[in-house]
N, C-alpha and C. Protein backbone atom coordinates (compact mmCIF):
# COMPACT_ATOMS: atom_id res chain seq x y z
N UNK A 1 -19.08 31.63 -36.90
CA UNK A 1 -18.04 30.70 -37.20
C UNK A 1 -16.98 31.43 -38.03
N UNK A 2 -15.71 31.24 -37.66
CA UNK A 2 -14.66 31.93 -38.38
C UNK A 2 -13.59 30.92 -38.76
N UNK A 3 -13.20 30.92 -40.00
CA UNK A 3 -12.15 30.04 -40.51
C UNK A 3 -11.13 30.90 -41.22
N UNK A 4 -9.85 30.67 -40.92
CA UNK A 4 -8.80 31.39 -41.62
C UNK A 4 -8.01 30.39 -42.44
N UNK A 5 -7.77 30.72 -43.66
CA UNK A 5 -7.03 29.85 -44.56
C UNK A 5 -5.84 30.62 -45.10
N UNK A 6 -4.69 29.98 -45.09
CA UNK A 6 -3.50 30.58 -45.67
C UNK A 6 -3.05 29.67 -46.80
N UNK A 7 -2.90 30.22 -47.97
CA UNK A 7 -2.52 29.43 -49.15
C UNK A 7 -1.01 29.52 -49.35
N UNK A 8 -0.37 28.38 -49.51
CA UNK A 8 1.04 28.33 -49.83
C UNK A 8 1.17 27.54 -51.12
N UNK A 9 1.52 28.24 -52.17
CA UNK A 9 1.61 27.57 -53.48
C UNK A 9 0.27 26.95 -53.81
N UNK A 10 0.30 25.68 -54.21
CA UNK A 10 -0.92 24.99 -54.58
C UNK A 10 -1.56 24.28 -53.38
N UNK A 11 -0.84 24.27 -52.21
CA UNK A 11 -1.37 23.57 -51.04
C UNK A 11 -2.05 24.56 -50.12
N UNK A 12 -3.13 24.18 -49.59
CA UNK A 12 -3.83 25.02 -48.61
C UNK A 12 -3.63 24.44 -47.21
N UNK A 13 -3.31 25.31 -46.30
CA UNK A 13 -3.13 24.88 -44.92
C UNK A 13 -4.12 25.66 -44.06
N UNK A 14 -4.81 24.93 -43.26
CA UNK A 14 -5.78 25.54 -42.37
C UNK A 14 -5.05 25.97 -41.10
N UNK A 15 -5.06 27.28 -40.80
CA UNK A 15 -4.38 27.81 -39.63
C UNK A 15 -5.37 28.64 -38.85
N UNK A 16 -5.35 28.52 -37.53
CA UNK A 16 -6.21 29.34 -36.71
C UNK A 16 -7.11 28.48 -35.84
N UNK A 17 -8.11 29.13 -35.35
CA UNK A 17 -9.04 28.47 -34.45
C UNK A 17 -10.43 28.52 -35.02
N UNK A 18 -11.18 27.53 -34.69
CA UNK A 18 -12.57 27.48 -35.12
C UNK A 18 -13.43 27.62 -33.87
N UNK A 19 -14.33 28.56 -33.92
CA UNK A 19 -15.22 28.76 -32.78
C UNK A 19 -16.63 28.69 -33.29
N UNK A 20 -17.39 27.83 -32.71
CA UNK A 20 -18.79 27.70 -33.12
C UNK A 20 -19.62 28.52 -32.15
N UNK A 21 -20.44 29.38 -32.67
CA UNK A 21 -21.26 30.25 -31.83
C UNK A 21 -22.17 29.46 -30.92
N UNK A 22 -22.41 30.01 -29.73
CA UNK A 22 -23.30 29.36 -28.79
C UNK A 22 -22.58 28.42 -27.82
N UNK A 23 -21.27 28.25 -27.93
CA UNK A 23 -20.53 27.38 -27.00
C UNK A 23 -20.45 28.05 -25.64
N UNK A 24 -20.64 27.28 -24.59
CA UNK A 24 -20.52 27.80 -23.24
C UNK A 24 -19.51 26.96 -22.49
N UNK A 25 -18.89 27.56 -21.46
CA UNK A 25 -17.98 26.79 -20.60
C UNK A 25 -18.81 25.81 -19.78
N UNK A 26 -18.56 24.54 -19.95
CA UNK A 26 -19.29 23.51 -19.24
C UNK A 26 -18.35 22.90 -18.19
N UNK A 27 -18.78 22.90 -16.94
CA UNK A 27 -18.00 22.31 -15.87
C UNK A 27 -18.18 20.79 -15.89
N UNK A 28 -17.08 20.04 -15.86
CA UNK A 28 -17.22 18.58 -15.87
C UNK A 28 -17.80 18.09 -14.55
N UNK A 29 -18.56 17.02 -14.62
CA UNK A 29 -19.12 16.39 -13.43
C UNK A 29 -18.17 15.29 -13.00
N UNK A 30 -17.70 15.37 -11.74
CA UNK A 30 -16.80 14.36 -11.22
C UNK A 30 -17.60 13.17 -10.72
N UNK A 31 -17.15 11.99 -11.08
CA UNK A 31 -17.81 10.77 -10.64
C UNK A 31 -16.79 9.94 -9.89
N UNK A 32 -17.12 9.56 -8.64
CA UNK A 32 -16.22 8.76 -7.82
C UNK A 32 -16.98 7.58 -7.24
N UNK A 33 -16.26 6.52 -6.98
CA UNK A 33 -16.82 5.34 -6.36
C UNK A 33 -17.33 5.72 -4.96
N UNK A 34 -18.41 5.09 -4.50
CA UNK A 34 -19.00 5.41 -3.20
C UNK A 34 -18.02 5.23 -2.05
N UNK A 35 -17.12 4.24 -2.16
CA UNK A 35 -16.15 4.03 -1.08
C UNK A 35 -15.17 5.19 -0.98
N UNK A 36 -14.84 5.82 -2.10
CA UNK A 36 -13.94 6.97 -2.07
C UNK A 36 -14.62 8.20 -1.49
N UNK A 37 -15.90 8.37 -1.81
CA UNK A 37 -16.64 9.52 -1.30
C UNK A 37 -16.74 9.45 0.21
N UNK A 38 -16.81 8.24 0.78
CA UNK A 38 -16.96 8.06 2.22
C UNK A 38 -15.68 8.23 3.02
N UNK A 39 -14.53 8.39 2.38
CA UNK A 39 -13.26 8.56 3.09
C UNK A 39 -13.21 9.96 3.67
N UNK A 40 -12.95 10.03 4.99
CA UNK A 40 -12.91 11.34 5.64
C UNK A 40 -11.51 11.94 5.71
N UNK A 41 -10.53 11.26 5.12
CA UNK A 41 -9.14 11.74 5.16
C UNK A 41 -8.96 12.94 4.24
N UNK A 42 -7.99 13.79 4.61
CA UNK A 42 -7.65 14.93 3.76
C UNK A 42 -6.74 14.52 2.61
N UNK A 43 -6.01 13.41 2.80
CA UNK A 43 -5.16 12.88 1.73
C UNK A 43 -5.09 11.37 1.88
N UNK A 44 -5.05 10.68 0.75
CA UNK A 44 -4.89 9.23 0.73
C UNK A 44 -3.59 8.94 0.00
N UNK A 45 -2.71 8.19 0.65
CA UNK A 45 -1.42 7.86 0.07
C UNK A 45 -1.38 6.38 -0.28
N UNK A 46 -0.79 6.05 -1.40
CA UNK A 46 -0.58 4.67 -1.79
C UNK A 46 0.92 4.42 -1.83
N UNK A 47 1.35 3.24 -1.38
CA UNK A 47 2.77 2.91 -1.29
C UNK A 47 3.51 3.96 -0.47
N UNK A 48 2.97 4.26 0.72
CA UNK A 48 3.56 5.25 1.61
C UNK A 48 4.90 4.75 2.15
N UNK A 49 5.82 5.66 2.29
CA UNK A 49 7.12 5.37 2.89
C UNK A 49 7.51 6.58 3.73
N UNK A 50 7.75 6.36 5.04
CA UNK A 50 8.11 7.44 5.94
C UNK A 50 9.37 7.04 6.70
N UNK A 51 10.37 7.92 6.71
CA UNK A 51 11.64 7.62 7.35
C UNK A 51 11.65 8.17 8.76
N UNK A 52 12.04 7.33 9.71
CA UNK A 52 12.19 7.73 11.09
C UNK A 52 13.63 8.16 11.32
N UNK A 53 13.84 9.11 12.23
CA UNK A 53 15.21 9.55 12.48
C UNK A 53 15.41 9.82 13.96
N UNK A 54 16.66 9.70 14.37
CA UNK A 54 17.05 10.01 15.73
C UNK A 54 18.25 10.94 15.65
N UNK A 55 18.07 12.16 16.11
CA UNK A 55 19.12 13.18 16.04
C UNK A 55 19.65 13.34 14.62
N UNK A 56 18.76 13.32 13.65
CA UNK A 56 19.13 13.53 12.26
C UNK A 56 19.67 12.32 11.53
N UNK A 57 19.75 11.17 12.20
CA UNK A 57 20.24 9.95 11.58
C UNK A 57 19.06 9.02 11.36
N UNK A 58 18.96 8.46 10.17
CA UNK A 58 17.85 7.55 9.86
C UNK A 58 17.90 6.34 10.77
N UNK A 59 16.79 6.12 11.51
CA UNK A 59 16.73 5.00 12.45
C UNK A 59 15.72 3.95 12.03
N UNK A 60 14.91 4.26 11.03
CA UNK A 60 13.92 3.29 10.59
C UNK A 60 13.12 3.79 9.42
N UNK A 61 12.29 2.91 8.90
CA UNK A 61 11.39 3.25 7.81
C UNK A 61 10.06 2.54 8.05
N UNK A 62 8.96 3.27 7.83
CA UNK A 62 7.62 2.71 7.92
C UNK A 62 7.03 2.74 6.53
N UNK A 63 6.52 1.59 6.11
CA UNK A 63 5.87 1.49 4.80
C UNK A 63 4.44 1.02 4.99
N UNK A 64 3.55 1.48 4.12
CA UNK A 64 2.16 1.04 4.16
C UNK A 64 1.62 0.99 2.74
N UNK A 65 0.76 0.00 2.48
CA UNK A 65 0.11 -0.08 1.18
C UNK A 65 -0.76 1.14 0.95
N UNK A 66 -1.53 1.53 1.99
CA UNK A 66 -2.44 2.67 1.92
C UNK A 66 -2.36 3.42 3.24
N UNK A 67 -2.45 4.74 3.18
CA UNK A 67 -2.43 5.56 4.39
C UNK A 67 -3.38 6.74 4.24
N UNK A 68 -4.04 7.10 5.34
CA UNK A 68 -4.92 8.26 5.37
C UNK A 68 -4.27 9.32 6.25
N UNK A 69 -4.19 10.54 5.74
CA UNK A 69 -3.57 11.66 6.44
C UNK A 69 -4.66 12.70 6.72
N UNK A 70 -4.61 13.30 7.90
CA UNK A 70 -5.59 14.29 8.32
C UNK A 70 -4.88 15.60 8.66
N UNK A 71 -5.37 16.71 8.10
CA UNK A 71 -4.74 18.01 8.31
C UNK A 71 -4.74 18.46 9.76
N UNK A 72 -5.75 18.06 10.53
CA UNK A 72 -5.88 18.53 11.92
C UNK A 72 -5.29 17.56 12.93
N UNK A 73 -4.48 16.60 12.48
CA UNK A 73 -3.93 15.59 13.39
C UNK A 73 -2.54 15.17 12.91
N UNK A 74 -1.73 14.71 13.84
CA UNK A 74 -0.42 14.17 13.47
C UNK A 74 -0.50 12.65 13.24
N UNK A 75 -1.70 12.08 13.45
CA UNK A 75 -1.89 10.64 13.28
C UNK A 75 -2.11 10.28 11.81
N UNK A 76 -1.38 9.28 11.37
CA UNK A 76 -1.55 8.71 10.03
C UNK A 76 -2.09 7.31 10.22
N UNK A 77 -3.22 7.00 9.60
CA UNK A 77 -3.80 5.65 9.67
C UNK A 77 -3.30 4.86 8.47
N UNK A 78 -2.84 3.62 8.75
CA UNK A 78 -2.18 2.84 7.70
C UNK A 78 -2.77 1.43 7.59
N UNK A 79 -2.67 0.86 6.37
CA UNK A 79 -3.07 -0.51 6.10
C UNK A 79 -1.94 -1.20 5.35
N UNK A 80 -1.72 -2.48 5.66
CA UNK A 80 -0.60 -3.21 5.06
C UNK A 80 0.72 -2.63 5.53
N UNK A 81 0.96 -2.70 6.85
CA UNK A 81 2.05 -1.98 7.48
C UNK A 81 3.31 -2.85 7.60
N UNK A 82 4.44 -2.21 7.38
CA UNK A 82 5.75 -2.84 7.56
C UNK A 82 6.69 -1.78 8.10
N UNK A 83 7.36 -2.09 9.23
CA UNK A 83 8.31 -1.15 9.81
C UNK A 83 9.64 -1.87 10.00
N UNK A 84 10.72 -1.23 9.58
CA UNK A 84 12.07 -1.75 9.79
C UNK A 84 12.85 -0.72 10.59
N UNK A 85 13.51 -1.18 11.66
CA UNK A 85 14.34 -0.30 12.48
C UNK A 85 15.79 -0.70 12.30
N UNK A 86 16.68 0.29 12.35
CA UNK A 86 18.09 0.07 12.07
C UNK A 86 18.97 0.40 13.28
N UNK A 87 20.11 -0.28 13.39
CA UNK A 87 21.16 0.09 14.33
C UNK A 87 21.87 1.33 13.78
N UNK A 88 22.72 1.94 14.58
CA UNK A 88 23.46 3.13 14.14
C UNK A 88 24.33 2.86 12.93
N UNK A 89 24.81 1.61 12.77
CA UNK A 89 25.66 1.27 11.63
C UNK A 89 24.85 0.96 10.36
N UNK A 90 23.52 1.05 10.45
CA UNK A 90 22.67 0.82 9.28
C UNK A 90 22.15 -0.60 9.15
N UNK A 91 22.64 -1.52 9.98
CA UNK A 91 22.15 -2.90 9.92
C UNK A 91 20.75 -2.97 10.54
N UNK A 92 19.99 -3.97 10.11
CA UNK A 92 18.61 -4.10 10.57
C UNK A 92 18.57 -4.56 12.02
N UNK A 93 17.79 -3.85 12.83
CA UNK A 93 17.62 -4.15 14.25
C UNK A 93 16.37 -5.00 14.47
N UNK A 94 15.26 -4.60 13.84
CA UNK A 94 13.99 -5.30 14.05
C UNK A 94 13.08 -5.03 12.86
N UNK A 95 12.10 -5.92 12.70
CA UNK A 95 11.15 -5.81 11.59
C UNK A 95 9.75 -6.12 12.12
N UNK A 96 8.77 -5.25 11.80
CA UNK A 96 7.39 -5.42 12.25
C UNK A 96 6.49 -5.46 11.03
N UNK A 97 5.53 -6.38 11.03
CA UNK A 97 4.48 -6.38 10.01
C UNK A 97 3.13 -6.45 10.71
N UNK A 98 2.11 -5.81 10.12
CA UNK A 98 0.76 -5.86 10.67
C UNK A 98 -0.25 -5.50 9.58
N UNK A 99 -1.50 -5.84 9.85
CA UNK A 99 -2.56 -5.51 8.90
C UNK A 99 -2.85 -4.01 8.88
N UNK A 100 -2.85 -3.39 10.06
CA UNK A 100 -3.16 -1.97 10.19
C UNK A 100 -2.22 -1.33 11.20
N UNK A 101 -2.28 -0.01 11.27
CA UNK A 101 -1.50 0.68 12.28
C UNK A 101 -1.73 2.17 12.23
N UNK A 102 -1.20 2.84 13.24
CA UNK A 102 -1.21 4.30 13.26
C UNK A 102 0.21 4.77 13.55
N UNK A 103 0.55 5.86 12.94
CA UNK A 103 1.86 6.47 13.12
C UNK A 103 1.65 7.93 13.48
N UNK A 104 2.27 8.37 14.56
CA UNK A 104 2.23 9.78 14.91
C UNK A 104 3.40 10.44 14.20
N UNK A 105 3.12 11.32 13.27
CA UNK A 105 4.17 11.92 12.44
C UNK A 105 5.06 12.88 13.23
N UNK A 106 4.66 13.28 14.42
CA UNK A 106 5.47 14.18 15.24
C UNK A 106 6.37 13.39 16.18
N UNK A 107 5.78 12.46 16.94
CA UNK A 107 6.55 11.70 17.93
C UNK A 107 7.16 10.42 17.34
N UNK A 108 6.73 10.01 16.16
CA UNK A 108 7.16 8.79 15.48
C UNK A 108 6.76 7.53 16.25
N UNK A 109 5.75 7.63 17.12
CA UNK A 109 5.23 6.45 17.81
C UNK A 109 4.29 5.71 16.87
N UNK A 110 4.38 4.38 16.89
CA UNK A 110 3.52 3.57 16.03
C UNK A 110 2.81 2.52 16.84
N UNK A 111 1.57 2.31 16.52
CA UNK A 111 0.81 1.21 17.08
C UNK A 111 0.45 0.30 15.92
N UNK A 112 0.81 -0.96 16.02
CA UNK A 112 0.50 -1.94 14.98
C UNK A 112 -0.66 -2.79 15.45
N UNK A 113 -1.60 -3.08 14.54
CA UNK A 113 -2.80 -3.85 14.89
C UNK A 113 -3.07 -4.92 13.83
N UNK A 114 -3.53 -6.06 14.30
CA UNK A 114 -3.96 -7.11 13.39
C UNK A 114 -2.83 -8.00 12.93
N UNK A 115 -2.74 -9.21 13.49
CA UNK A 115 -1.70 -10.18 13.12
C UNK A 115 -0.30 -9.56 13.12
N UNK A 116 0.05 -8.94 14.21
CA UNK A 116 1.34 -8.26 14.34
C UNK A 116 2.44 -9.28 14.58
N UNK A 117 3.52 -9.16 13.83
CA UNK A 117 4.70 -9.98 14.04
C UNK A 117 5.89 -9.05 14.14
N UNK A 118 6.61 -9.15 15.25
CA UNK A 118 7.82 -8.37 15.49
C UNK A 118 8.97 -9.35 15.59
N UNK A 119 9.98 -9.18 14.75
CA UNK A 119 11.17 -10.03 14.79
C UNK A 119 12.35 -9.13 15.11
N UNK A 120 13.02 -9.44 16.24
CA UNK A 120 14.21 -8.71 16.65
C UNK A 120 15.41 -9.56 16.25
N UNK A 121 16.31 -9.00 15.50
CA UNK A 121 17.42 -9.77 14.94
C UNK A 121 18.40 -10.27 15.98
N UNK A 122 18.58 -9.53 17.06
CA UNK A 122 19.53 -9.94 18.09
C UNK A 122 18.89 -11.01 18.97
N UNK A 123 19.47 -12.18 19.03
CA UNK A 123 18.96 -13.24 19.88
C UNK A 123 17.76 -13.97 19.32
N UNK A 124 17.48 -13.84 18.04
CA UNK A 124 16.36 -14.54 17.39
C UNK A 124 15.08 -14.41 18.23
N UNK A 125 14.68 -13.19 18.52
CA UNK A 125 13.50 -12.93 19.32
C UNK A 125 12.32 -12.60 18.42
N UNK A 126 11.13 -13.09 18.81
CA UNK A 126 9.93 -12.89 17.99
C UNK A 126 8.74 -12.64 18.90
N UNK A 127 7.89 -11.68 18.53
CA UNK A 127 6.66 -11.38 19.25
C UNK A 127 5.52 -11.46 18.26
N UNK A 128 4.44 -12.17 18.64
CA UNK A 128 3.22 -12.22 17.83
C UNK A 128 2.10 -11.70 18.71
N UNK A 129 1.31 -10.79 18.17
CA UNK A 129 0.28 -10.16 18.98
C UNK A 129 -0.80 -9.58 18.09
N UNK A 130 -2.03 -9.47 18.58
CA UNK A 130 -3.04 -8.76 17.81
C UNK A 130 -2.77 -7.26 17.76
N UNK A 131 -2.01 -6.76 18.76
CA UNK A 131 -1.69 -5.33 18.80
C UNK A 131 -0.43 -5.12 19.61
N UNK A 132 0.45 -4.29 19.12
CA UNK A 132 1.63 -3.90 19.87
C UNK A 132 1.49 -2.44 20.25
N UNK A 133 1.74 -2.13 21.48
CA UNK A 133 1.73 -0.82 22.11
C UNK A 133 0.70 -0.78 23.21
N UNK A 134 -0.51 -1.23 22.98
CA UNK A 134 -1.54 -1.26 24.01
C UNK A 134 -1.68 -2.67 24.54
N UNK A 135 -2.34 -2.82 25.70
CA UNK A 135 -2.54 -4.15 26.28
C UNK A 135 -3.25 -5.06 25.30
N UNK A 136 -2.71 -6.26 25.15
CA UNK A 136 -3.29 -7.27 24.27
C UNK A 136 -2.67 -8.61 24.61
N UNK A 137 -3.09 -9.67 23.97
CA UNK A 137 -2.49 -10.99 24.16
C UNK A 137 -1.27 -11.08 23.26
N UNK A 138 -0.14 -11.36 23.84
CA UNK A 138 1.11 -11.41 23.10
C UNK A 138 1.83 -12.73 23.34
N UNK A 139 2.58 -13.15 22.33
CA UNK A 139 3.44 -14.33 22.44
C UNK A 139 4.85 -13.86 22.12
N UNK A 140 5.76 -13.97 23.09
CA UNK A 140 7.14 -13.53 22.95
C UNK A 140 8.02 -14.78 22.92
N UNK A 141 8.80 -14.96 21.85
CA UNK A 141 9.67 -16.12 21.71
C UNK A 141 11.11 -15.64 21.67
N UNK A 142 11.92 -16.18 22.58
CA UNK A 142 13.33 -15.80 22.63
C UNK A 142 14.15 -17.06 22.86
N UNK A 143 15.04 -17.32 21.94
CA UNK A 143 15.90 -18.51 22.03
C UNK A 143 15.08 -19.78 22.25
N UNK A 144 13.94 -19.87 21.57
CA UNK A 144 13.09 -21.05 21.66
C UNK A 144 12.15 -21.06 22.85
N UNK A 145 12.28 -20.13 23.79
CA UNK A 145 11.42 -20.06 24.98
C UNK A 145 10.22 -19.16 24.68
N UNK A 146 9.01 -19.68 24.91
CA UNK A 146 7.78 -18.96 24.62
C UNK A 146 7.22 -18.36 25.90
N UNK A 147 6.90 -17.06 25.88
CA UNK A 147 6.29 -16.37 27.01
C UNK A 147 5.00 -15.73 26.51
N UNK A 148 3.88 -16.02 27.19
CA UNK A 148 2.58 -15.45 26.82
C UNK A 148 2.14 -14.47 27.89
N UNK A 149 1.57 -13.34 27.45
CA UNK A 149 1.10 -12.33 28.39
C UNK A 149 0.04 -11.47 27.77
N UNK A 150 -0.34 -10.41 28.48
CA UNK A 150 -1.40 -9.52 28.00
C UNK A 150 -0.87 -8.35 27.19
N UNK A 151 0.46 -8.09 27.25
CA UNK A 151 1.00 -6.99 26.46
C UNK A 151 2.50 -7.17 26.28
N UNK A 152 3.03 -6.50 25.29
CA UNK A 152 4.47 -6.40 25.07
C UNK A 152 4.76 -4.92 24.92
N UNK A 153 5.69 -4.41 25.71
CA UNK A 153 6.06 -2.99 25.64
C UNK A 153 7.56 -2.91 25.42
N UNK A 154 7.96 -1.93 24.58
CA UNK A 154 9.38 -1.77 24.30
C UNK A 154 9.67 -0.36 23.83
N UNK A 155 10.94 0.05 24.05
CA UNK A 155 11.39 1.29 23.41
C UNK A 155 11.77 0.92 21.98
N UNK A 156 12.01 1.91 21.13
CA UNK A 156 12.29 1.62 19.72
C UNK A 156 13.63 0.94 19.50
N UNK A 157 14.51 0.98 20.47
CA UNK A 157 15.80 0.31 20.32
C UNK A 157 15.74 -1.14 20.81
N UNK A 158 14.61 -1.54 21.45
CA UNK A 158 14.41 -2.89 21.98
C UNK A 158 15.46 -3.26 23.02
N UNK A 159 15.99 -2.26 23.72
CA UNK A 159 16.92 -2.55 24.80
C UNK A 159 16.18 -2.64 26.14
N UNK A 160 15.02 -2.02 26.24
CA UNK A 160 14.18 -2.11 27.42
C UNK A 160 12.82 -2.60 26.97
N UNK A 161 12.43 -3.78 27.43
CA UNK A 161 11.14 -4.33 27.03
C UNK A 161 10.56 -5.15 28.17
N UNK A 162 9.25 -5.41 28.08
CA UNK A 162 8.60 -6.23 29.10
C UNK A 162 7.40 -6.95 28.50
N UNK A 163 7.10 -8.12 29.06
CA UNK A 163 5.87 -8.86 28.78
C UNK A 163 5.05 -8.77 30.05
N UNK A 164 3.83 -8.26 29.95
CA UNK A 164 3.00 -8.01 31.13
C UNK A 164 2.07 -9.19 31.41
N UNK A 165 1.77 -9.38 32.68
CA UNK A 165 0.79 -10.37 33.12
C UNK A 165 1.02 -11.73 32.47
N UNK A 166 2.21 -12.25 32.68
CA UNK A 166 2.58 -13.52 32.07
C UNK A 166 1.65 -14.62 32.57
N UNK A 167 1.13 -15.42 31.66
CA UNK A 167 0.26 -16.53 32.02
C UNK A 167 1.11 -17.70 32.49
N UNK A 168 0.74 -18.25 33.64
CA UNK A 168 1.45 -19.40 34.17
C UNK A 168 2.63 -19.06 35.05
N UNK A 169 2.89 -17.77 35.27
CA UNK A 169 4.02 -17.36 36.09
C UNK A 169 3.70 -16.00 36.69
N UNK A 170 4.33 -15.69 37.81
CA UNK A 170 4.10 -14.39 38.44
C UNK A 170 5.09 -13.37 37.91
N UNK A 171 4.66 -12.13 37.79
CA UNK A 171 5.55 -11.05 37.39
C UNK A 171 5.63 -10.88 35.89
N UNK A 172 6.49 -10.00 35.49
CA UNK A 172 6.67 -9.69 34.07
C UNK A 172 8.12 -9.90 33.70
N UNK A 173 8.35 -10.28 32.46
CA UNK A 173 9.71 -10.41 31.92
C UNK A 173 10.15 -9.01 31.52
N UNK A 174 11.33 -8.65 31.93
CA UNK A 174 11.87 -7.35 31.54
C UNK A 174 13.23 -7.57 30.92
N UNK A 175 13.51 -6.84 29.88
CA UNK A 175 14.83 -6.88 29.25
C UNK A 175 15.48 -5.54 29.41
N UNK A 176 16.59 -5.49 30.06
CA UNK A 176 17.35 -4.25 30.23
C UNK A 176 18.70 -4.47 29.59
N UNK A 177 18.84 -4.05 28.38
CA UNK A 177 20.06 -4.28 27.63
C UNK A 177 19.93 -5.55 26.81
N UNK A 178 20.79 -5.71 25.83
CA UNK A 178 20.69 -6.84 24.94
C UNK A 178 20.87 -8.16 25.67
N UNK A 179 19.88 -9.06 25.51
CA UNK A 179 19.99 -10.42 26.01
C UNK A 179 19.86 -10.59 27.50
N UNK A 180 19.30 -9.63 28.22
CA UNK A 180 19.20 -9.76 29.67
C UNK A 180 17.75 -9.69 30.11
N UNK A 181 17.24 -10.70 30.79
CA UNK A 181 15.88 -10.74 31.31
C UNK A 181 15.92 -10.62 32.83
N UNK A 182 14.93 -9.95 33.40
CA UNK A 182 14.76 -9.90 34.84
C UNK A 182 13.32 -10.21 35.16
N UNK A 183 13.05 -10.99 36.21
CA UNK A 183 11.66 -11.27 36.59
C UNK A 183 10.98 -10.06 37.18
């Protein structure tokens, strides 16, 4: 044990380090909740925000409460998902919410799952589905008209879209350009 003391006038000030013999470097033991240990992701993000772009211009934003990222994949798994897409002038084009989803960080393709609601601002159009992107049961509402089918497919600009296997009618609804449907 070594102590160094420096006296200044009548006051003593202790300066230096104290080392007690026999001390060893002890590695701390990390303790984590079992649910965290079971996560296979390489990174876990909270309050994730990812900006989508088209030719260098911001075209949308994807937000998630929680996201899992994997080093060997471009897929990001998300929970508490919200996606907003914008027109070229920055105004909101469409808004999607879902319980879960996946986002491909390279292609910017997203699949939304679980109580999916898509609201397109032009023409007061709304789609409700358990999943958007893959075949599922979908409800498409446009100008008060309800169309039910097995899937809803669209490009990110919502200028080309379709409802597949419409119940109660033959064919699929297709939209080519704003506000135009074709059987």
